[in-house]
Amino acid sequence: MNIYRTPHIVTHSIKVTEMVCPECERIIDEALTMLEGVVHVTSNWRRNTARVNYDLNLTRFQDLEELFNDIGYAPDDRFFHSLKRGWIRFTEKSEIDNMKHVAHCCSKPPVNA
């Protein structure tokens, strides 16, 4: 986690299955906003997508995927969408690692050098 605890807001869209009516949008929006760190959710039942803004310090994309499965709207598992979700998880891990990194001062060598 970020040692400075400044918000690190990221936005991702996720394609889901079983979203068939406007009521599904409300269900997804309510469920995701209950998750800690989620700032804003916009769902579109015609496109079967949910766009989520969340704080990377408090939640992860994997948490969103698990919540979608729990509420009955599984993420689309076709090749491209599965590949995209894997890329998002990979880049999130890199962002988290970068947030943890503390740069060394110019007059001091890095730790473990």
PDB file of N, CA and C in Angstrom:
ATOM      1  N   MET A   1       0.830  -1.196   0.000  1.00  0.00           N
ATOM      2  CA  MET A   1       0.000   0.000   0.000  1.00  0.00           C
ATOM      3  C   MET A   1       0.868   1.252   0.000  1.00  0.00           C
ATOM      4  N   ASN A   2       0.307   2.316  -0.427  1.00  0.00           N
ATOM      5  CA  ASN A   2       0.996   3.598  -0.507  1.00  0.00           C
ATOM      6  C   ASN A   2       1.268   4.118   0.899  1.00  0.00           C
ATOM      7  N   ILE A   3       2.535   4.386   1.221  1.00  0.00           N
ATOM      8  CA  ILE A   3       2.858   4.832   2.583  1.00  0.00           C
ATOM      9  C   ILE A   3       2.376   6.245   2.840  1.00  0.00           C
ATOM     10  N   TYR A   4       2.171   7.029   1.801  1.00  0.00           N
ATOM     11  CA  TYR A   4       1.709   8.401   1.982  1.00  0.00           C
ATOM     12  C   TYR A   4       0.188   8.497   2.015  1.00  0.00           C
ATOM     13  N   ARG A   5      -0.473   7.470   1.593  1.00  0.00           N
ATOM     14  CA  ARG A   5      -1.933   7.362   1.626  1.00  0.00           C
ATOM     15  C   ARG A   5      -2.636   8.460   0.838  1.00  0.00           C
ATOM     16  N   THR A   6      -1.979   9.029  -0.152  1.00  0.00           N
ATOM     17  CA  THR A   6      -2.674   9.953  -1.034  1.00  0.00           C
ATOM     18  C   THR A   6      -3.516   9.126  -1.986  1.00  0.00           C
ATOM     19  N   PRO A   7      -4.702   9.586  -2.310  1.00  0.00           N
ATOM     20  CA  PRO A   7      -5.555   8.785  -3.200  1.00  0.00           C
ATOM     21  C   PRO A   7      -4.898   8.574  -4.564  1.00  0.00           C
ATOM     22  N   HIS A   8      -5.017   7.388  -5.053  1.00  0.00           N
ATOM     23  CA  HIS A   8      -4.534   7.043  -6.383  1.00  0.00           C
ATOM     24  C   HIS A   8      -5.730   6.471  -7.142  1.00  0.00           C
ATOM     25  N   ILE A   9      -6.498   7.373  -7.756  1.00  0.00           N
ATOM     26  CA  ILE A   9      -7.746   6.985  -8.412  1.00  0.00           C
ATOM     27  C   ILE A   9      -7.443   6.448  -9.808  1.00  0.00           C
ATOM     28  N   VAL A  10      -7.989   5.277 -10.109  1.00  0.00           N
ATOM     29  CA  VAL A  10      -7.878   4.683 -11.436  1.00  0.00           C
ATOM     30  C   VAL A  10      -9.284   4.406 -11.961  1.00  0.00           C
ATOM     31  N   THR A  11      -9.393   4.327 -13.270  1.00  0.00           N
ATOM     32  CA  THR A  11     -10.681   4.065 -13.911  1.00  0.00           C
ATOM     33  C   THR A  11     -10.527   2.912 -14.875  1.00  0.00           C
ATOM     34  N   HIS A  12     -11.436   1.947 -14.770  1.00  0.00           N
ATOM     35  CA  HIS A  12     -11.424   0.814 -15.692  1.00  0.00           C
ATOM     36  C   HIS A  12     -12.849   0.449 -16.061  1.00  0.00           C
ATOM     37  N   SER A  13     -13.001  -0.045 -17.289  1.00  0.00           N
ATOM     38  CA  SER A  13     -14.284  -0.573 -17.739  1.00  0.00           C
ATOM     39  C   SER A  13     -14.176  -2.081 -17.759  1.00  0.00           C
ATOM     40  N   ILE A  14     -15.249  -2.717 -17.385  1.00  0.00           N
ATOM     41  CA  ILE A  14     -15.265  -4.177 -17.384  1.00  0.00           C
ATOM     42  C   ILE A  14     -16.533  -4.648 -18.075  1.00  0.00           C
ATOM     43  N   LYS A  15     -16.378  -5.582 -18.982  1.00  0.00           N
ATOM     44  CA  LYS A  15     -17.504  -6.149 -19.716  1.00  0.00           C
ATOM     45  C   LYS A  15     -18.009  -7.345 -18.915  1.00  0.00           C
ATOM     46  N   VAL A  16     -19.317  -7.370 -18.668  1.00  0.00           N
ATOM     47  CA  VAL A  16     -19.899  -8.431 -17.855  1.00  0.00           C
ATOM     48  C   VAL A  16     -20.977  -9.171 -18.639  1.00  0.00           C
ATOM     49  N   THR A  17     -21.441 -10.265 -18.076  1.00  0.00           N
ATOM     50  CA  THR A  17     -22.506 -11.055 -18.694  1.00  0.00           C
ATOM     51  C   THR A  17     -23.782 -10.895 -17.870  1.00  0.00           C
ATOM     52  N   GLU A  18     -24.863 -11.295 -18.442  1.00  0.00           N
ATOM     53  CA  GLU A  18     -26.167 -11.338 -17.760  1.00  0.00           C
ATOM     54  C   GLU A  18     -26.774  -9.977 -17.424  1.00  0.00           C
ATOM     55  N   MET A  19     -26.271  -8.894 -17.967  1.00  0.00           N
ATOM     56  CA  MET A  19     -26.880  -7.582 -17.723  1.00  0.00           C
ATOM     57  C   MET A  19     -27.931  -7.383 -18.810  1.00  0.00           C
ATOM     58  N   VAL A  20     -29.213  -7.545 -18.447  1.00  0.00           N
ATOM     59  CA  VAL A  20     -30.268  -7.570 -19.463  1.00  0.00           C
ATOM     60  C   VAL A  20     -31.307  -6.460 -19.332  1.00  0.00           C
ATOM     61  N   CYS A  21     -31.243  -5.644 -18.292  1.00  0.00           N
ATOM     62  CA  CYS A  21     -32.263  -4.610 -18.111  1.00  0.00           C
ATOM     63  C   CYS A  21     -31.699  -3.430 -17.320  1.00  0.00           C
ATOM     64  N   PRO A  22     -32.394  -2.295 -17.340  1.00  0.00           N
ATOM     65  CA  PRO A  22     -31.915  -1.134 -16.574  1.00  0.00           C
ATOM     66  C   PRO A  22     -31.805  -1.408 -15.065  1.00  0.00           C
ATOM     67  N   GLU A  23     -32.595  -2.323 -14.553  1.00  0.00           N
ATOM     68  CA  GLU A  23     -32.530  -2.680 -13.132  1.00  0.00           C
ATOM     69  C   GLU A  23     -31.161  -3.282 -12.781  1.00  0.00           C
ATOM     70  N   CYS A  24     -30.558  -3.962 -13.747  1.00  0.00           N
ATOM     71  CA  CYS A  24     -29.230  -4.547 -13.537  1.00  0.00           C
ATOM     72  C   CYS A  24     -28.203  -3.447 -13.265  1.00  0.00           C
ATOM     73  N   GLU A  25     -28.344  -2.309 -13.940  1.00  0.00           N
ATOM     74  CA  GLU A  25     -27.437  -1.187 -13.713  1.00  0.00           C
ATOM     75  C   GLU A  25     -27.481  -0.757 -12.250  1.00  0.00           C
ATOM     76  N   ARG A  26     -28.682  -0.634 -11.710  1.00  0.00           N
ATOM     77  CA  ARG A  26     -28.847  -0.201 -10.323  1.00  0.00           C
ATOM     78  C   ARG A  26     -28.223  -1.214  -9.363  1.00  0.00           C
ATOM     79  N   ILE A  27     -28.442  -2.496  -9.617  1.00  0.00           N
ATOM     80  CA  ILE A  27     -27.896  -3.544  -8.753  1.00  0.00           C
ATOM     81  C   ILE A  27     -26.365  -3.478  -8.739  1.00  0.00           C
ATOM     82  N   ILE A  28     -25.768  -3.353  -9.916  1.00  0.00           N
ATOM     83  CA  ILE A  28     -24.308  -3.287 -10.015  1.00  0.00           C
ATOM     84  C   ILE A  28     -23.780  -2.027  -9.348  1.00  0.00           C
ATOM     85  N   ASP A  29     -24.415  -0.893  -9.625  1.00  0.00           N
ATOM     86  CA  ASP A  29     -23.964   0.373  -9.035  1.00  0.00           C
ATOM     87  C   ASP A  29     -24.009   0.323  -7.507  1.00  0.00           C
ATOM     88  N   GLU A  30     -25.095  -0.192  -6.953  1.00  0.00           N
ATOM     89  CA  GLU A  30     -25.224  -0.262  -5.492  1.00  0.00           C
ATOM     90  C   GLU A  30     -24.202  -1.221  -4.888  1.00  0.00           C
ATOM     91  N   ALA A  31     -24.007  -2.369  -5.521  1.00  0.00           N
ATOM     92  CA  ALA A  31     -23.071  -3.365  -4.974  1.00  0.00           C
ATOM     93  C   ALA A  31     -21.635  -2.844  -5.003  1.00  0.00           C
ATOM     94  N   LEU A  32     -21.246  -2.210  -6.095  1.00  0.00           N
ATOM     95  CA  LEU A  32     -19.870  -1.745  -6.204  1.00  0.00           C
ATOM     96  C   LEU A  32     -19.584  -0.543  -5.311  1.00  0.00           C
ATOM     97  N   THR A  33     -20.547   0.342  -5.139  1.00  0.00           N
ATOM     98  CA  THR A  33     -20.303   1.501  -4.279  1.00  0.00           C
ATOM     99  C   THR A  33     -20.174   1.104  -2.818  1.00  0.00           C
ATOM    100  N   MET A  34     -20.627  -0.079  -2.444  1.00  0.00           N
ATOM    101  CA  MET A  34     -20.457  -0.568  -1.083  1.00  0.00           C
ATOM    102  C   MET A  34     -19.012  -1.003  -0.828  1.00  0.00           C
ATOM    103  N   LEU A  35     -18.275  -1.292  -1.896  1.00  0.00           N
ATOM    104  CA  LEU A  35     -16.889  -1.726  -1.776  1.00  0.00           C
ATOM    105  C   LEU A  35     -16.012  -0.535  -1.396  1.00  0.00           C
ATOM    106  N   GLU A  36     -15.170  -0.726  -0.386  1.00  0.00           N
ATOM    107  CA  GLU A  36     -14.303   0.354   0.091  1.00  0.00           C
ATOM    108  C   GLU A  36     -13.364   0.803  -1.025  1.00  0.00           C
ATOM    109  N   GLY A  37     -13.290   2.108  -1.224  1.00  0.00           N
ATOM    110  CA  GLY A  37     -12.396   2.672  -2.221  1.00  0.00           C
ATOM    111  C   GLY A  37     -13.053   3.007  -3.543  1.00  0.00           C
ATOM    112  N   VAL A  38     -14.251   2.479  -3.794  1.00  0.00           N
ATOM    113  CA  VAL A  38     -14.939   2.783  -5.047  1.00  0.00           C
ATOM    114  C   VAL A  38     -15.517   4.181  -4.956  1.00  0.00           C
ATOM    115  N   VAL A  39     -15.146   5.019  -5.924  1.00  0.00           N
ATOM    116  CA  VAL A  39     -15.554   6.417  -5.924  1.00  0.00           C
ATOM    117  C   VAL A  39     -16.800   6.627  -6.768  1.00  0.00           C
ATOM    118  N   HIS A  40     -16.835   6.013  -7.954  1.00  0.00           N
ATOM    119  CA  HIS A  40     -17.946   6.235  -8.867  1.00  0.00           C
ATOM    120  C   HIS A  40     -18.127   5.014  -9.773  1.00  0.00           C
ATOM    121  N   VAL A  41     -19.385   4.686 -10.074  1.00  0.00           N
ATOM    122  CA  VAL A  41     -19.693   3.567 -10.958  1.00  0.00           C
ATOM    123  C   VAL A  41     -20.712   4.034 -11.991  1.00  0.00           C
ATOM    124  N   THR A  42     -20.473   3.688 -13.246  1.00  0.00           N
ATOM    125  CA  THR A  42     -21.430   3.955 -14.312  1.00  0.00           C
ATOM    126  C   THR A  42     -21.622   2.666 -15.084  1.00  0.00           C
ATOM    127  N   SER A  43     -22.839   2.156 -15.083  1.00  0.00           N
ATOM    128  CA  SER A  43     -23.136   0.913 -15.793  1.00  0.00           C
ATOM    129  C   SER A  43     -23.981   1.212 -17.027  1.00  0.00           C
ATOM    130  N   ASN A  44     -23.862   0.352 -18.029  1.00  0.00           N
ATOM    131  CA  ASN A  44     -24.654   0.476 -19.241  1.00  0.00           C
ATOM    132  C   ASN A  44     -25.128  -0.916 -19.626  1.00  0.00           C
ATOM    133  N   TRP A  45     -26.408  -1.183 -19.429  1.00  0.00           N
ATOM    134  CA  TRP A  45     -26.922  -2.534 -19.670  1.00  0.00           C
ATOM    135  C   TRP A  45     -26.963  -2.868 -21.159  1.00  0.00           C
ATOM    136  N   ARG A  46     -27.075  -1.878 -22.013  1.00  0.00           N
ATOM    137  CA  ARG A  46     -27.104  -2.161 -23.455  1.00  0.00           C
ATOM    138  C   ARG A  46     -25.733  -2.628 -23.960  1.00  0.00           C
ATOM    139  N   ARG A  47     -24.676  -2.133 -23.348  1.00  0.00           N
ATOM    140  CA  ARG A  47     -23.325  -2.520 -23.745  1.00  0.00           C
ATOM    141  C   ARG A  47     -22.729  -3.576 -22.821  1.00  0.00           C
ATOM    142  N   ASN A  48     -23.437  -3.929 -21.770  1.00  0.00           N
ATOM    143  CA  ASN A  48     -22.946  -4.909 -20.783  1.00  0.00           C
ATOM    144  C   ASN A  48     -21.622  -4.478 -20.171  1.00  0.00           C
ATOM    145  N   THR A  49     -21.491  -3.193 -19.861  1.00  0.00           N
ATOM    146  CA  THR A  49     -20.246  -2.702 -19.286  1.00  0.00           C
ATOM    147  C   THR A  49     -20.502  -1.924 -18.001  1.00  0.00           C
ATOM    148  N   ALA A  50     -19.493  -1.901 -17.178  1.00  0.00           N
ATOM    149  CA  ALA A  50     -19.497  -1.080 -15.968  1.00  0.00           C
ATOM    150  C   ALA A  50     -18.162  -0.350 -15.937  1.00  0.00           C
ATOM    151  N   ARG A  51     -18.222   0.957 -15.779  1.00  0.00           N
ATOM    152  CA  ARG A  51     -17.017   1.792 -15.673  1.00  0.00           C
ATOM    153  C   ARG A  51     -16.876   2.180 -14.213  1.00  0.00           C
ATOM    154  N   VAL A  52     -15.728   1.851 -13.626  1.00  0.00           N
ATOM    155  CA  VAL A  52     -15.534   2.014 -12.187  1.00  0.00           C
ATOM    156  C   VAL A  52     -14.311   2.894 -11.916  1.00  0.00           C
ATOM    157  N   ASN A  53     -14.506   3.906 -11.074  1.00  0.00           N
ATOM    158  CA  ASN A  53     -13.402   4.729 -10.571  1.00  0.00           C
ATOM    159  C   ASN A  53     -13.164   4.286  -9.138  1.00  0.00           C
ATOM    160  N   TYR A  54     -11.916   3.945  -8.812  1.00  0.00           N
ATOM    161  CA  TYR A  54     -11.631   3.482  -7.457  1.00  0.00           C
ATOM    162  C   TYR A  54     -10.217   3.873  -7.049  1.00  0.00           C
ATOM    163  N   ASP A  55     -10.024   3.877  -5.741  1.00  0.00           N
ATOM    164  CA  ASP A  55      -8.728   4.219  -5.154  1.00  0.00           C
ATOM    165  C   ASP A  55      -7.890   2.950  -5.061  1.00  0.00           C
ATOM    166  N   LEU A  56      -6.766   2.955  -5.733  1.00  0.00           N
ATOM    167  CA  LEU A  56      -5.899   1.776  -5.782  1.00  0.00           C
ATOM    168  C   LEU A  56      -5.286   1.456  -4.422  1.00  0.00           C
ATOM    169  N   ASN A  57      -5.281   2.425  -3.513  1.00  0.00           N
ATOM    170  CA  ASN A  57      -4.785   2.154  -2.163  1.00  0.00           C
ATOM    171  C   ASN A  57      -5.744   1.275  -1.374  1.00  0.00           C
ATOM    172  N   LEU A  58      -7.018   1.292  -1.729  1.00  0.00           N
ATOM    173  CA  LEU A  58      -8.023   0.607  -0.930  1.00  0.00           C
ATOM    174  C   LEU A  58      -8.608  -0.639  -1.584  1.00  0.00           C
ATOM    175  N   THR A  59      -8.593  -0.708  -2.880  1.00  0.00           N
ATOM    176  CA  THR A  59      -9.173  -1.874  -3.548  1.00  0.00           C
ATOM    177  C   THR A  59      -8.396  -2.180  -4.815  1.00  0.00           C
ATOM    178  N   ARG A  60      -8.601  -3.359  -5.338  1.00  0.00           N
ATOM    179  CA  ARG A  60      -7.906  -3.837  -6.537  1.00  0.00           C
ATOM    180  C   ARG A  60      -8.943  -4.276  -7.579  1.00  0.00           C
ATOM    181  N   PHE A  61      -8.490  -4.362  -8.824  1.00  0.00           N
ATOM    182  CA  PHE A  61      -9.356  -4.811  -9.913  1.00  0.00           C
ATOM    183  C   PHE A  61      -9.848  -6.228  -9.645  1.00  0.00           C
ATOM    184  N   GLN A  62      -8.996  -7.047  -9.062  1.00  0.00           N
ATOM    185  CA  GLN A  62      -9.379  -8.419  -8.746  1.00  0.00           C
ATOM    186  C   GLN A  62     -10.556  -8.440  -7.762  1.00  0.00           C
ATOM    187  N   ASP A  63     -10.587  -7.493  -6.824  1.00  0.00           N
ATOM    188  CA  ASP A  63     -11.708  -7.391  -5.894  1.00  0.00           C
ATOM    189  C   ASP A  63     -13.006  -7.092  -6.643  1.00  0.00           C
ATOM    190  N   LEU A  64     -12.909  -6.238  -7.652  1.00  0.00           N
ATOM    191  CA  LEU A  64     -14.085  -5.914  -8.461  1.00  0.00           C
ATOM    192  C   LEU A  64     -14.574  -7.149  -9.206  1.00  0.00           C
ATOM    193  N   GLU A  65     -13.646  -7.903  -9.795  1.00  0.00           N
ATOM    194  CA  GLU A  65     -14.015  -9.119 -10.519  1.00  0.00           C
ATOM    195  C   GLU A  65     -14.728 -10.115  -9.595  1.00  0.00           C
ATOM    196  N   GLU A  66     -14.202 -10.283  -8.391  1.00  0.00           N
ATOM    197  CA  GLU A  66     -14.814 -11.205  -7.437  1.00  0.00           C
ATOM    198  C   GLU A  66     -16.207 -10.743  -7.042  1.00  0.00           C
ATOM    199  N   LEU A  67     -16.379  -9.442  -6.852  1.00  0.00           N
ATOM    200  CA  LEU A  67     -17.689  -8.915  -6.488  1.00  0.00           C
ATOM    201  C   LEU A  67     -18.686  -9.108  -7.625  1.00  0.00           C
ATOM    202  N   PHE A  68     -18.247  -8.897  -8.856  1.00  0.00           N
ATOM    203  CA  PHE A  68     -19.137  -9.146  -9.999  1.00  0.00           C
ATOM    204  C   PHE A  68     -19.594 -10.600 -10.009  1.00  0.00           C
ATOM    205  N   ASN A  69     -18.692 -11.528  -9.771  1.00  0.00           N
ATOM    206  CA  ASN A  69     -19.066 -12.940  -9.707  1.00  0.00           C
ATOM    207  C   ASN A  69     -20.046 -13.198  -8.574  1.00  0.00           C
ATOM    208  N   ASP A  70     -19.817 -12.581  -7.419  1.00  0.00           N
ATOM    209  CA  ASP A  70     -20.674 -12.791  -6.254  1.00  0.00           C
ATOM    210  C   ASP A  70     -22.106 -12.306  -6.478  1.00  0.00           C
ATOM    211  N   ILE A  71     -22.265 -11.211  -7.224  1.00  0.00           N
ATOM    212  CA  ILE A  71     -23.617 -10.678  -7.431  1.00  0.00           C
ATOM    213  C   ILE A  71     -24.278 -11.228  -8.692  1.00  0.00           C
ATOM    214  N   GLY A  72     -23.605 -12.132  -9.405  1.00  0.00           N
ATOM    215  CA  GLY A  72     -24.227 -12.812 -10.531  1.00  0.00           C
ATOM    216  C   GLY A  72     -23.979 -12.193 -11.893  1.00  0.00           C
ATOM    217  N   TYR A  73     -23.045 -11.284 -11.983  1.00  0.00           N
ATOM    218  CA  TYR A  73     -22.688 -10.663 -13.262  1.00  0.00           C
ATOM    219  C   TYR A  73     -21.222 -10.958 -13.536  1.00  0.00           C
ATOM    220  N   ALA A  74     -20.955 -12.164 -13.974  1.00  0.00           N
ATOM    221  CA  ALA A  74     -19.578 -12.602 -14.181  1.00  0.00           C
ATOM    222  C   ALA A  74     -18.912 -11.785 -15.282  1.00  0.00           C
ATOM    223  N   PRO A  75     -17.626 -11.471 -15.115  1.00  0.00           N
ATOM    224  CA  PRO A  75     -16.901 -10.783 -16.184  1.00  0.00           C
ATOM    225  C   PRO A  75     -16.893 -11.632 -17.453  1.00  0.00           C
ATOM    226  N   ASP A  76     -16.992 -10.965 -18.588  1.00  0.00           N
ATOM    227  CA  ASP A  76     -16.977 -11.640 -19.888  1.00  0.00           C
ATOM    228  C   ASP A  76     -15.679 -12.420 -20.010  1.00  0.00           C
ATOM    229  N   ASP A  77     -15.772 -13.699 -20.343  1.00  0.00           N
ATOM    230  CA  ASP A  77     -14.608 -14.580 -20.347  1.00  0.00           C
ATOM    231  C   ASP A  77     -14.059 -14.846 -21.743  1.00  0.00           C
ATOM    232  N   ARG A  78     -14.547 -14.113 -22.742  1.00  0.00           N
ATOM    233  CA  ARG A  78     -14.004 -14.308 -24.078  1.00  0.00           C
ATOM    234  C   ARG A  78     -12.555 -13.836 -24.123  1.00  0.00           C
ATOM    235  N   PHE A  79     -11.831 -14.278 -25.137  1.00  0.00           N
ATOM    236  CA  PHE A  79     -10.376 -14.098 -25.187  1.00  0.00           C
ATOM    237  C   PHE A  79      -9.936 -12.652 -24.979  1.00  0.00           C
ATOM    238  N   PHE A  80     -10.444 -11.720 -25.772  1.00  0.00           N
ATOM    239  CA  PHE A  80      -9.991 -10.336 -25.691  1.00  0.00           C
ATOM    240  C   PHE A  80     -10.263  -9.737 -24.311  1.00  0.00           C
ATOM    241  N   HIS A  81     -11.447  -9.977 -23.768  1.00  0.00           N
ATOM    242  CA  HIS A  81     -11.804  -9.400 -22.472  1.00  0.00           C
ATOM    243  C   HIS A  81     -10.996 -10.034 -21.342  1.00  0.00           C
ATOM    244  N   SER A  82     -10.740 -11.315 -21.461  1.00  0.00           N
ATOM    245  CA  SER A  82      -9.904 -11.995 -20.475  1.00  0.00           C
ATOM    246  C   SER A  82      -8.474 -11.466 -20.531  1.00  0.00           C
ATOM    247  N   LEU A  83      -7.957 -11.256 -21.727  1.00  0.00           N
ATOM    248  CA  LEU A  83      -6.625 -10.706 -21.915  1.00  0.00           C
ATOM    249  C   LEU A  83      -6.542  -9.285 -21.340  1.00  0.00           C
ATOM    250  N   LYS A  84      -7.549  -8.480 -21.595  1.00  0.00           N
ATOM    251  CA  LYS A  84      -7.589  -7.104 -21.080  1.00  0.00           C
ATOM    252  C   LYS A  84      -7.582  -7.090 -19.551  1.00  0.00           C
ATOM    253  N   ARG A  85      -8.382  -7.971 -18.933  1.00  0.00           N
ATOM    254  CA  ARG A  85      -8.416  -8.023 -17.466  1.00  0.00           C
ATOM    255  C   ARG A  85      -7.069  -8.456 -16.902  1.00  0.00           C
ATOM    256  N   GLY A  86      -6.406  -9.385 -17.566  1.00  0.00           N
ATOM    257  CA  GLY A  86      -5.075  -9.805 -17.129  1.00  0.00           C
ATOM    258  C   GLY A  86      -4.071  -8.656 -17.227  1.00  0.00           C
ATOM    259  N   TRP A  87      -4.170  -7.876 -18.283  1.00  0.00           N
ATOM    260  CA  TRP A  87      -3.280  -6.724 -18.454  1.00  0.00           C
ATOM    261  C   TRP A  87      -3.538  -5.695 -17.359  1.00  0.00           C
ATOM    262  N   ILE A  88      -4.794  -5.459 -17.030  1.00  0.00           N
ATOM    263  CA  ILE A  88      -5.135  -4.504 -15.964  1.00  0.00           C
ATOM    264  C   ILE A  88      -4.544  -4.970 -14.635  1.00  0.00           C
ATOM    265  N   ARG A  89      -4.691  -6.262 -14.312  1.00  0.00           N
ATOM    266  CA  ARG A  89      -4.127  -6.781 -13.058  1.00  0.00           C
ATOM    267  C   ARG A  89      -2.605  -6.614 -13.042  1.00  0.00           C
ATOM    268  N   PHE A  90      -1.945  -6.872 -14.174  1.00  0.00           N
ATOM    269  CA  PHE A  90      -0.497  -6.731 -14.269  1.00  0.00           C
ATOM    270  C   PHE A  90      -0.069  -5.276 -14.067  1.00  0.00           C
ATOM    271  N   THR A  91      -0.715  -4.347 -14.746  1.00  0.00           N
ATOM    272  CA  THR A  91      -0.323  -2.942 -14.622  1.00  0.00           C
ATOM    273  C   THR A  91      -0.635  -2.404 -13.234  1.00  0.00           C
ATOM    274  N   GLU A  92      -1.712  -2.889 -12.615  1.00  0.00           N
ATOM    275  CA  GLU A  92      -2.005  -2.472 -11.237  1.00  0.00           C
ATOM    276  C   GLU A  92      -0.901  -2.894 -10.294  1.00  0.00           C
ATOM    277  N   LYS A  93      -0.409  -4.110 -10.474  1.00  0.00           N
ATOM    278  CA  LYS A  93       0.678  -4.581  -9.613  1.00  0.00           C
ATOM    279  C   LYS A  93       1.902  -3.684  -9.781  1.00  0.00           C
ATOM    280  N   SER A  94       2.194  -3.288 -11.005  1.00  0.00           N
ATOM    281  CA  SER A  94       3.324  -2.382 -11.255  1.00  0.00           C
ATOM    282  C   SER A  94       3.099  -1.025 -10.600  1.00  0.00           C
ATOM    283  N   GLU A  95       1.876  -0.499 -10.702  1.00  0.00           N
ATOM    284  CA  GLU A  95       1.570   0.788 -10.076  1.00  0.00           C
ATOM    285  C   GLU A  95       1.730   0.714  -8.563  1.00  0.00           C
ATOM    286  N   ILE A  96       1.269  -0.369  -7.971  1.00  0.00           N
ATOM    287  CA  ILE A  96       1.369  -0.546  -6.524  1.00  0.00           C
ATOM    288  C   ILE A  96       2.838  -0.644  -6.111  1.00  0.00           C
ATOM    289  N   ASP A  97       3.628  -1.404  -6.871  1.00  0.00           N
ATOM    290  CA  ASP A  97       5.057  -1.506  -6.578  1.00  0.00           C
ATOM    291  C   ASP A  97       5.729  -0.137  -6.674  1.00  0.00           C
ATOM    292  N   ASN A  98       5.348   0.652  -7.669  1.00  0.00           N
ATOM    293  CA  ASN A  98       5.927   1.987  -7.820  1.00  0.00           C
ATOM    294  C   ASN A  98       5.505   2.909  -6.686  1.00  0.00           C
ATOM    295  N   MET A  99       4.289   2.771  -6.183  1.00  0.00           N
ATOM    296  CA  MET A  99       3.839   3.608  -5.076  1.00  0.00           C
ATOM    297  C   MET A  99       4.604   3.268  -3.795  1.00  0.00           C
ATOM    298  N   LYS A 100       5.018   2.014  -3.668  1.00  0.00           N
ATOM    299  CA  LYS A 100       5.753   1.591  -2.475  1.00  0.00           C
ATOM    300  C   LYS A 100       7.200   2.058  -2.501  1.00  0.00           C
ATOM    301  N   HIS A 101       7.738   2.286  -3.689  1.00  0.00           N
ATOM    302  CA  HIS A 101       9.148   2.624  -3.841  1.00  0.00           C
ATOM    303  C   HIS A 101       9.456   3.995  -3.245  1.00  0.00           C
ATOM    304  N   VAL A 102      10.503   4.048  -2.443  1.00  0.00           N
ATOM    305  CA  VAL A 102      10.965   5.309  -1.879  1.00  0.00           C
ATOM    306  C   VAL A 102      12.298   5.631  -2.546  1.00  0.00           C
ATOM    307  N   ALA A 103      12.332   6.744  -3.247  1.00  0.00           N
ATOM    308  CA  ALA A 103      13.551   7.132  -3.958  1.00  0.00           C
ATOM    309  C   ALA A 103      14.644   7.520  -2.968  1.00  0.00           C
ATOM    310  N   HIS A 104      15.875   7.268  -3.333  1.00  0.00           N
ATOM    311  CA  HIS A 104      16.997   7.643  -2.472  1.00  0.00           C
ATOM    312  C   HIS A 104      17.425   9.079  -2.774  1.00  0.00           C
ATOM    313  N   CYS A 105      18.073   9.671  -1.818  1.00  0.00           N
ATOM    314  CA  CYS A 105      18.566  11.041  -1.953  1.00  0.00           C
ATOM    315  C   CYS A 105      19.845  11.018  -2.789  1.00  0.00           C
ATOM    316  N   CYS A 106      20.131  12.129  -3.413  1.00  0.00           N
ATOM    317  CA  CYS A 106      21.322  12.219  -4.273  1.00  0.00           C
ATOM    318  C   CYS A 106      22.622  12.025  -3.498  1.00  0.00           C
ATOM    319  N   SER A 107      22.648  12.401  -2.234  1.00  0.00           N
ATOM    320  CA  SER A 107      23.892  12.313  -1.485  1.00  0.00           C
ATOM    321  C   SER A 107      24.043  10.996  -0.729  1.00  0.00           C
ATOM    322  N   LYS A 108      23.070  10.119  -0.823  1.00  0.00           N
ATOM    323  CA  LYS A 108      23.130   8.850  -0.126  1.00  0.00           C
ATOM    324  C   LYS A 108      22.948   7.701  -1.110  1.00  0.00           C
ATOM    325  N   PRO A 109      23.675   6.616  -0.920  1.00  0.00           N
ATOM    326  CA  PRO A 109      23.458   5.477  -1.813  1.00  0.00           C
ATOM    327  C   PRO A 109      22.133   4.792  -1.481  1.00  0.00           C
ATOM    328  N   PRO A 110      21.563   4.080  -2.444  1.00  0.00           N
ATOM    329  CA  PRO A 110      20.327   3.352  -2.175  1.00  0.00           C
ATOM    330  C   PRO A 110      20.546   2.249  -1.137  1.00  0.00           C
ATOM    331  N   VAL A 111      19.496   1.865  -0.460  1.00  0.00           N
ATOM    332  CA  VAL A 111      19.571   0.804   0.516  1.00  0.00           C
ATOM    333  C   VAL A 111      19.896  -0.497  -0.225  1.00  0.00           C
ATOM    334  N   ASN A 112      20.679  -1.355   0.407  1.00  0.00           N
ATOM    335  CA  ASN A 112      21.108  -2.642  -0.163  1.00  0.00           C
ATOM    336  C   ASN A 112      22.014  -2.461  -1.373  1.00  0.00           C
ATOM    337  N   ALA A 113      22.707  -1.367  -1.472  1.00  0.00           N
ATOM    338  CA  ALA A 113      23.603  -1.160  -2.623  1.00  0.00           C
ATOM    339  C   ALA A 113      25.019  -1.539  -2.268  1.00  0.00           C
TER     340      ALA A 113
END
